[in-house]
PDB file of N, CA and C in Angstrom:
ATOM      1  N   UNK A   1     -29.382   7.600  21.993  1.00  0.00           N
ATOM      2  CA  UNK A   1     -28.624   8.269  20.971  1.00  0.00           C
ATOM      3  C   UNK A   1     -28.659   9.776  21.221  1.00  0.00           C
ATOM      4  N   UNK A   2     -27.499  10.402  21.111  1.00  0.00           N
ATOM      5  CA  UNK A   2     -27.389  11.846  21.302  1.00  0.00           C
ATOM      6  C   UNK A   2     -26.719  12.461  20.076  1.00  0.00           C
ATOM      7  N   UNK A   3     -27.012  13.728  19.848  1.00  0.00           N
ATOM      8  CA  UNK A   3     -26.386  14.478  18.763  1.00  0.00           C
ATOM      9  C   UNK A   3     -25.278  15.327  19.366  1.00  0.00           C
ATOM     10  N   UNK A   4     -24.080  15.229  18.795  1.00  0.00           N
ATOM     11  CA  UNK A   4     -22.935  15.992  19.290  1.00  0.00           C
ATOM     12  C   UNK A   4     -22.424  16.876  18.164  1.00  0.00           C
ATOM     13  N   UNK A   5     -22.347  18.182  18.432  1.00  0.00           N
ATOM     14  CA  UNK A   5     -21.793  19.148  17.496  1.00  0.00           C
ATOM     15  C   UNK A   5     -20.364  19.447  17.955  1.00  0.00           C
ATOM     16  N   UNK A   6     -19.375  19.187  17.103  1.00  0.00           N
ATOM     17  CA  UNK A   6     -17.977  19.455  17.422  1.00  0.00           C
ATOM     18  C   UNK A   6     -17.597  20.803  16.823  1.00  0.00           C
ATOM     19  N   UNK A   7     -17.092  21.711  17.668  1.00  0.00           N
ATOM     20  CA  UNK A   7     -16.713  23.059  17.244  1.00  0.00           C
ATOM     21  C   UNK A   7     -15.231  23.292  17.479  1.00  0.00           C
ATOM     22  N   UNK A   8     -14.574  23.919  16.488  1.00  0.00           N
ATOM     23  CA  UNK A   8     -13.202  24.408  16.622  1.00  0.00           C
ATOM     24  C   UNK A   8     -13.318  25.927  16.580  1.00  0.00           C
ATOM     25  N   UNK A   9     -13.064  26.599  17.703  1.00  0.00           N
ATOM     26  CA  UNK A   9     -13.353  28.015  17.886  1.00  0.00           C
ATOM     27  C   UNK A   9     -14.852  28.205  17.653  1.00  0.00           C
ATOM     28  N   UNK A  10     -15.269  28.899  16.622  1.00  0.00           N
ATOM     29  CA  UNK A  10     -16.701  29.060  16.367  1.00  0.00           C
ATOM     30  C   UNK A  10     -17.121  28.342  15.088  1.00  0.00           C
ATOM     31  N   UNK A  11     -16.265  27.478  14.567  1.00  0.00           N
ATOM     32  CA  UNK A  11     -16.533  26.764  13.324  1.00  0.00           C
ATOM     33  C   UNK A  11     -17.042  25.358  13.633  1.00  0.00           C
ATOM     34  N   UNK A  12     -18.196  25.018  13.076  1.00  0.00           N
ATOM     35  CA  UNK A  12     -18.738  23.681  13.248  1.00  0.00           C
ATOM     36  C   UNK A  12     -17.955  22.728  12.356  1.00  0.00           C
ATOM     37  N   UNK A  13     -17.218  21.814  12.971  1.00  0.00           N
ATOM     38  CA  UNK A  13     -16.369  20.889  12.231  1.00  0.00           C
ATOM     39  C   UNK A  13     -17.140  19.628  11.860  1.00  0.00           C
ATOM     40  N   UNK A  14     -17.974  19.134  12.797  1.00  0.00           N
ATOM     41  CA  UNK A  14     -18.666  17.873  12.576  1.00  0.00           C
ATOM     42  C   UNK A  14     -19.901  17.808  13.467  1.00  0.00           C
ATOM     43  N   UNK A  15     -20.983  17.274  12.927  1.00  0.00           N
ATOM     44  CA  UNK A  15     -22.173  16.958  13.708  1.00  0.00           C
ATOM     45  C   UNK A  15     -22.374  15.463  13.584  1.00  0.00           C
ATOM     46  N   UNK A  16     -22.514  14.790  14.740  1.00  0.00           N
ATOM     47  CA  UNK A  16     -22.506  13.343  14.722  1.00  0.00           C
ATOM     48  C   UNK A  16     -23.554  12.794  15.684  1.00  0.00           C
ATOM     49  N   UNK A  17     -24.227  11.731  15.276  1.00  0.00           N
ATOM     50  CA  UNK A  17     -25.163  11.007  16.126  1.00  0.00           C
ATOM     51  C   UNK A  17     -24.375   9.893  16.799  1.00  0.00           C
ATOM     52  N   UNK A  18     -24.307   9.907  18.142  1.00  0.00           N
ATOM     53  CA  UNK A  18     -23.448   8.970  18.869  1.00  0.00           C
ATOM     54  C   UNK A  18     -24.221   8.250  19.967  1.00  0.00           C
ATOM     55  N   UNK A  19     -23.658   7.152  20.408  1.00  0.00           N
ATOM     56  CA  UNK A  19     -24.218   6.392  21.523  1.00  0.00           C
ATOM     57  C   UNK A  19     -23.862   7.043  22.862  1.00  0.00           C
ATOM     58  N   UNK A  20     -22.674   7.638  22.941  1.00  0.00           N
ATOM     59  CA  UNK A  20     -22.194   8.191  24.208  1.00  0.00           C
ATOM     60  C   UNK A  20     -21.687   9.617  24.020  1.00  0.00           C
ATOM     61  N   UNK A  21     -21.629  10.335  25.119  1.00  0.00           N
ATOM     62  CA  UNK A  21     -21.159  11.722  25.129  1.00  0.00           C
ATOM     63  C   UNK A  21     -19.640  11.703  25.292  1.00  0.00           C
ATOM     64  N   UNK A  22     -18.896  12.506  24.520  1.00  0.00           N
ATOM     65  CA  UNK A  22     -17.440  12.538  24.694  1.00  0.00           C
ATOM     66  C   UNK A  22     -17.060  13.181  26.033  1.00  0.00           C
ATOM     67  N   UNK A  23     -15.930  12.746  26.581  1.00  0.00           N
ATOM     68  CA  UNK A  23     -15.441  13.260  27.858  1.00  0.00           C
ATOM     69  C   UNK A  23     -14.460  14.398  27.639  1.00  0.00           C
ATOM     70  N   UNK A  24     -14.345  15.275  28.629  1.00  0.00           N
ATOM     71  CA  UNK A  24     -13.359  16.356  28.588  1.00  0.00           C
ATOM     72  C   UNK A  24     -11.966  15.729  28.667  1.00  0.00           C
ATOM     73  N   UNK A  25     -11.009  16.300  27.930  1.00  0.00           N
ATOM     74  CA  UNK A  25      -9.621  15.831  27.834  1.00  0.00           C
ATOM     75  C   UNK A  25      -9.493  14.531  27.045  1.00  0.00           C
ATOM     76  N   UNK A  26     -10.545  14.094  26.382  1.00  0.00           N
ATOM     77  CA  UNK A  26     -10.499  12.880  25.573  1.00  0.00           C
ATOM     78  C   UNK A  26      -9.816  13.186  24.252  1.00  0.00           C
ATOM     79  N   UNK A  27      -8.919  12.304  23.830  1.00  0.00           N
ATOM     80  CA  UNK A  27      -8.266  12.435  22.525  1.00  0.00           C
ATOM     81  C   UNK A  27      -9.271  12.010  21.464  1.00  0.00           C
ATOM     82  N   UNK A  28      -9.312  12.754  20.356  1.00  0.00           N
ATOM     83  CA  UNK A  28     -10.272  12.474  19.297  1.00  0.00           C
ATOM     84  C   UNK A  28      -9.621  12.752  17.956  1.00  0.00           C
ATOM     85  N   UNK A  29     -10.084  12.058  16.924  1.00  0.00           N
ATOM     86  CA  UNK A  29      -9.564  12.258  15.578  1.00  0.00           C
ATOM     87  C   UNK A  29     -10.753  12.544  14.666  1.00  0.00           C
ATOM     88  N   UNK A  30     -10.793  13.747  14.090  1.00  0.00           N
ATOM     89  CA  UNK A  30     -11.874  14.165  13.213  1.00  0.00           C
ATOM     90  C   UNK A  30     -11.277  14.582  11.876  1.00  0.00           C
ATOM     91  N   UNK A  31     -11.753  13.962  10.823  1.00  0.00           N
ATOM     92  CA  UNK A  31     -11.305  14.273   9.462  1.00  0.00           C
ATOM     93  C   UNK A  31      -9.784  14.202   9.331  1.00  0.00           C
ATOM     94  N   UNK A  32      -9.170  13.236   9.988  1.00  0.00           N
ATOM     95  CA  UNK A  32      -7.739  13.028   9.885  1.00  0.00           C
ATOM     96  C   UNK A  32      -6.900  13.949  10.741  1.00  0.00           C
ATOM     97  N   UNK A  33      -7.533  14.777  11.568  1.00  0.00           N
ATOM     98  CA  UNK A  33      -6.798  15.710  12.428  1.00  0.00           C
ATOM     99  C   UNK A  33      -6.963  15.289  13.876  1.00  0.00           C
ATOM    100  N   UNK A  34      -5.858  15.226  14.606  1.00  0.00           N
ATOM    101  CA  UNK A  34      -5.900  14.856  16.016  1.00  0.00           C
ATOM    102  C   UNK A  34      -6.253  16.072  16.850  1.00  0.00           C
ATOM    103  N   UNK A  35      -7.055  15.834  17.887  1.00  0.00           N
ATOM    104  CA  UNK A  35      -7.462  16.933  18.746  1.00  0.00           C
ATOM    105  C   UNK A  35      -7.824  16.457  20.127  1.00  0.00           C
ATOM    106  N   UNK A  36      -8.205  17.413  20.971  1.00  0.00           N
ATOM    107  CA  UNK A  36      -8.558  17.120  22.353  1.00  0.00           C
ATOM    108  C   UNK A  36      -9.835  17.892  22.682  1.00  0.00           C
ATOM    109  N   UNK A  37     -10.758  17.244  23.404  1.00  0.00           N
ATOM    110  CA  UNK A  37     -12.004  17.869  23.815  1.00  0.00           C
ATOM    111  C   UNK A  37     -11.707  18.839  24.959  1.00  0.00           C
ATOM    112  N   UNK A  38     -12.078  20.116  24.800  1.00  0.00           N
ATOM    113  CA  UNK A  38     -11.865  21.120  25.837  1.00  0.00           C
ATOM    114  C   UNK A  38     -13.045  21.205  26.789  1.00  0.00           C
ATOM    115  N   UNK A  39     -14.260  21.193  26.247  1.00  0.00           N
ATOM    116  CA  UNK A  39     -15.454  21.280  27.088  1.00  0.00           C
ATOM    117  C   UNK A  39     -16.638  20.668  26.363  1.00  0.00           C
ATOM    118  N   UNK A  40     -17.634  20.264  27.157  1.00  0.00           N
ATOM    119  CA  UNK A  40     -18.868  19.697  26.615  1.00  0.00           C
ATOM    120  C   UNK A  40     -20.028  20.424  27.286  1.00  0.00           C
ATOM    121  N   UNK A  41     -20.936  20.981  26.455  1.00  0.00           N
ATOM    122  CA  UNK A  41     -22.074  21.748  26.960  1.00  0.00           C
ATOM    123  C   UNK A  41     -23.355  21.077  26.479  1.00  0.00           C
ATOM    124  N   UNK A  42     -24.315  20.913  27.391  1.00  0.00           N
ATOM    125  CA  UNK A  42     -25.602  20.331  27.017  1.00  0.00           C
ATOM    126  C   UNK A  42     -26.543  21.450  26.595  1.00  0.00           C
ATOM    127  N   UNK A  43     -26.994  21.416  25.329  1.00  0.00           N
ATOM    128  CA  UNK A  43     -27.881  22.433  24.804  1.00  0.00           C
ATOM    129  C   UNK A  43     -29.345  22.054  25.017  1.00  0.00           C
ATOM    130  N   UNK A  44     -29.693  20.819  24.742  1.00  0.00           N
ATOM    131  CA  UNK A  44     -31.042  20.276  24.934  1.00  0.00           C
ATOM    132  C   UNK A  44     -30.898  18.920  25.609  1.00  0.00           C
ATOM    133  N   UNK A  45     -31.998  18.214  25.724  1.00  0.00           N
ATOM    134  CA  UNK A  45     -31.969  16.915  26.397  1.00  0.00           C
ATOM    135  C   UNK A  45     -31.013  15.935  25.725  1.00  0.00           C
ATOM    136  N   UNK A  46     -30.998  15.923  24.401  1.00  0.00           N
ATOM    137  CA  UNK A  46     -30.157  14.979  23.677  1.00  0.00           C
ATOM    138  C   UNK A  46     -29.244  15.647  22.654  1.00  0.00           C
ATOM    139  N   UNK A  47     -28.927  16.937  22.854  1.00  0.00           N
ATOM    140  CA  UNK A  47     -28.042  17.686  21.964  1.00  0.00           C
ATOM    141  C   UNK A  47     -26.905  18.285  22.797  1.00  0.00           C
ATOM    142  N   UNK A  48     -25.668  18.007  22.371  1.00  0.00           N
ATOM    143  CA  UNK A  48     -24.489  18.475  23.090  1.00  0.00           C
ATOM    144  C   UNK A  48     -23.569  19.219  22.146  1.00  0.00           C
ATOM    145  N   UNK A  49     -22.804  20.155  22.705  1.00  0.00           N
ATOM    146  CA  UNK A  49     -21.791  20.893  21.955  1.00  0.00           C
ATOM    147  C   UNK A  49     -20.441  20.606  22.587  1.00  0.00           C
ATOM    148  N   UNK A  50     -19.501  20.121  21.786  1.00  0.00           N
ATOM    149  CA  UNK A  50     -18.159  19.805  22.269  1.00  0.00           C
ATOM    150  C   UNK A  50     -17.163  20.748  21.598  1.00  0.00           C
ATOM    151  N   UNK A  51     -16.391  21.457  22.399  1.00  0.00           N
ATOM    152  CA  UNK A  51     -15.359  22.345  21.873  1.00  0.00           C
ATOM    153  C   UNK A  51     -14.053  21.563  21.776  1.00  0.00           C
ATOM    154  N   UNK A  52     -13.438  21.612  20.592  1.00  0.00           N
ATOM    155  CA  UNK A  52     -12.253  20.814  20.294  1.00  0.00           C
ATOM    156  C   UNK A  52     -11.089  21.735  19.973  1.00  0.00           C
ATOM    157  N   UNK A  53      -9.904  21.357  20.437  1.00  0.00           N
ATOM    158  CA  UNK A  53      -8.677  22.059  20.058  1.00  0.00           C
ATOM    159  C   UNK A  53      -7.822  21.079  19.274  1.00  0.00           C
ATOM    160  N   UNK A  54      -7.549  21.407  18.007  1.00  0.00           N
ATOM    161  CA  UNK A  54      -6.755  20.534  17.158  1.00  0.00           C
ATOM    162  C   UNK A  54      -5.278  20.866  17.289  1.00  0.00           C
ATOM    163  N   UNK A  55      -4.436  19.846  17.017  1.00  0.00           N
ATOM    164  CA  UNK A  55      -2.996  20.074  16.991  1.00  0.00           C
ATOM    165  C   UNK A  55      -2.679  20.992  15.820  1.00  0.00           C
ATOM    166  N   UNK A  56      -1.696  21.834  16.001  1.00  0.00           N
ATOM    167  CA  UNK A  56      -1.292  22.756  14.941  1.00  0.00           C
ATOM    168  C   UNK A  56      -0.639  21.981  13.812  1.00  0.00           C
ATOM    169  N   UNK A  57      -0.986  22.331  12.585  1.00  0.00           N
ATOM    170  CA  UNK A  57      -0.396  21.693  11.412  1.00  0.00           C
ATOM    171  C   UNK A  57       0.852  22.474  11.037  1.00  0.00           C
ATOM    172  N   UNK A  58       1.978  21.798  11.030  1.00  0.00           N
ATOM    173  CA  UNK A  58       3.245  22.433  10.688  1.00  0.00           C
ATOM    174  C   UNK A  58       3.486  22.213   9.207  1.00  0.00           C
ATOM    175  N   UNK A  59       3.487  23.302   8.469  1.00  0.00           N
ATOM    176  CA  UNK A  59       3.739  23.204   7.039  1.00  0.00           C
ATOM    177  C   UNK A  59       5.241  23.273   6.804  1.00  0.00           C
ATOM    178  N   UNK A  60       5.709  22.403   5.939  1.00  0.00           N
ATOM    179  CA  UNK A  60       7.128  22.394   5.618  1.00  0.00           C
ATOM    180  C   UNK A  60       7.421  23.535   4.659  1.00  0.00           C
ATOM    181  N   UNK A  61       8.553  24.179   4.874  1.00  0.00           N
ATOM    182  CA  UNK A  61       8.941  25.310   4.021  1.00  0.00           C
ATOM    183  C   UNK A  61       9.257  24.812   2.618  1.00  0.00           C
ATOM    184  N   UNK A  62       8.870  25.581   1.650  1.00  0.00           N
ATOM    185  CA  UNK A  62       9.152  25.230   0.263  1.00  0.00           C
ATOM    186  C   UNK A  62      10.651  25.351   0.001  1.00  0.00           C
ATOM    187  N   UNK A  63      11.126  24.546  -0.887  1.00  0.00           N
ATOM    188  CA  UNK A  63      12.545  24.575  -1.219  1.00  0.00           C
ATOM    189  C   UNK A  63      12.849  25.916  -1.874  1.00  0.00           C
ATOM    190  N   UNK A  64      13.879  26.572  -1.366  1.00  0.00           N
ATOM    191  CA  UNK A  64      14.256  27.884  -1.905  1.00  0.00           C
ATOM    192  C   UNK A  64      14.709  27.737  -3.353  1.00  0.00           C
ATOM    193  N   UNK A  65      14.295  28.668  -4.159  1.00  0.00           N
ATOM    194  CA  UNK A  65      14.675  28.630  -5.576  1.00  0.00           C
ATOM    195  C   UNK A  65      16.177  28.875  -5.707  1.00  0.00           C
ATOM    196  N   UNK A  66      16.810  28.076  -6.586  1.00  0.00           N
ATOM    197  CA  UNK A  66      18.242  28.265  -6.802  1.00  0.00           C
ATOM    198  C   UNK A  66      18.482  29.572  -7.525  1.00  0.00           C
ATOM    199  N   UNK A  67      19.462  30.315  -7.048  1.00  0.00           N
ATOM    200  CA  UNK A  67      19.798  31.565  -7.713  1.00  0.00           C
ATOM    201  C   UNK A  67      20.787  31.339  -8.852  1.00  0.00           C
ATOM    202  N   UNK A  68      21.194  30.097  -9.015  1.00  0.00           N
ATOM    203  CA  UNK A  68      22.120  29.760 -10.101  1.00  0.00           C
ATOM    204  C   UNK A  68      21.375  29.780 -11.436  1.00  0.00           C
ATOM    205  N   UNK A  69      22.149  30.007 -12.494  1.00  0.00           N
ATOM    206  CA  UNK A  69      21.559  29.995 -13.822  1.00  0.00           C
ATOM    207  C   UNK A  69      21.263  28.555 -14.213  1.00  0.00           C
ATOM    208  N   UNK A  70      20.194  28.403 -14.937  1.00  0.00           N
ATOM    209  CA  UNK A  70      19.820  27.059 -15.391  1.00  0.00           C
ATOM    210  C   UNK A  70      20.628  26.698 -16.629  1.00  0.00           C
ATOM    211  N   UNK A  71      20.941  25.443 -16.727  1.00  0.00           N
ATOM    212  CA  UNK A  71      21.646  24.946 -17.900  1.00  0.00           C
ATOM    213  C   UNK A  71      20.620  24.607 -18.974  1.00  0.00           C
ATOM    214  N   UNK A  72      20.962  24.917 -20.199  1.00  0.00           N
ATOM    215  CA  UNK A  72      20.035  24.621 -21.305  1.00  0.00           C
ATOM    216  C   UNK A  72      20.615  23.618 -22.225  1.00  0.00           C
TER     217      UNK A  72
END
């Protein structure tokens, strides 16, 4: 069993106890967000740090307010 710390930039997203070490370029889903492993660094004998790049979340634009007068 190894401990894997998943980081997005410098933010710790998830720390997980796993059976295996994640591979570079592996697709991963953390907290409902899809991402890809960029690098894996061994910190101690059984502690690893994995840098993850998540897909960008595209926010939909809010509906523009009507400039028409409201009917009462």
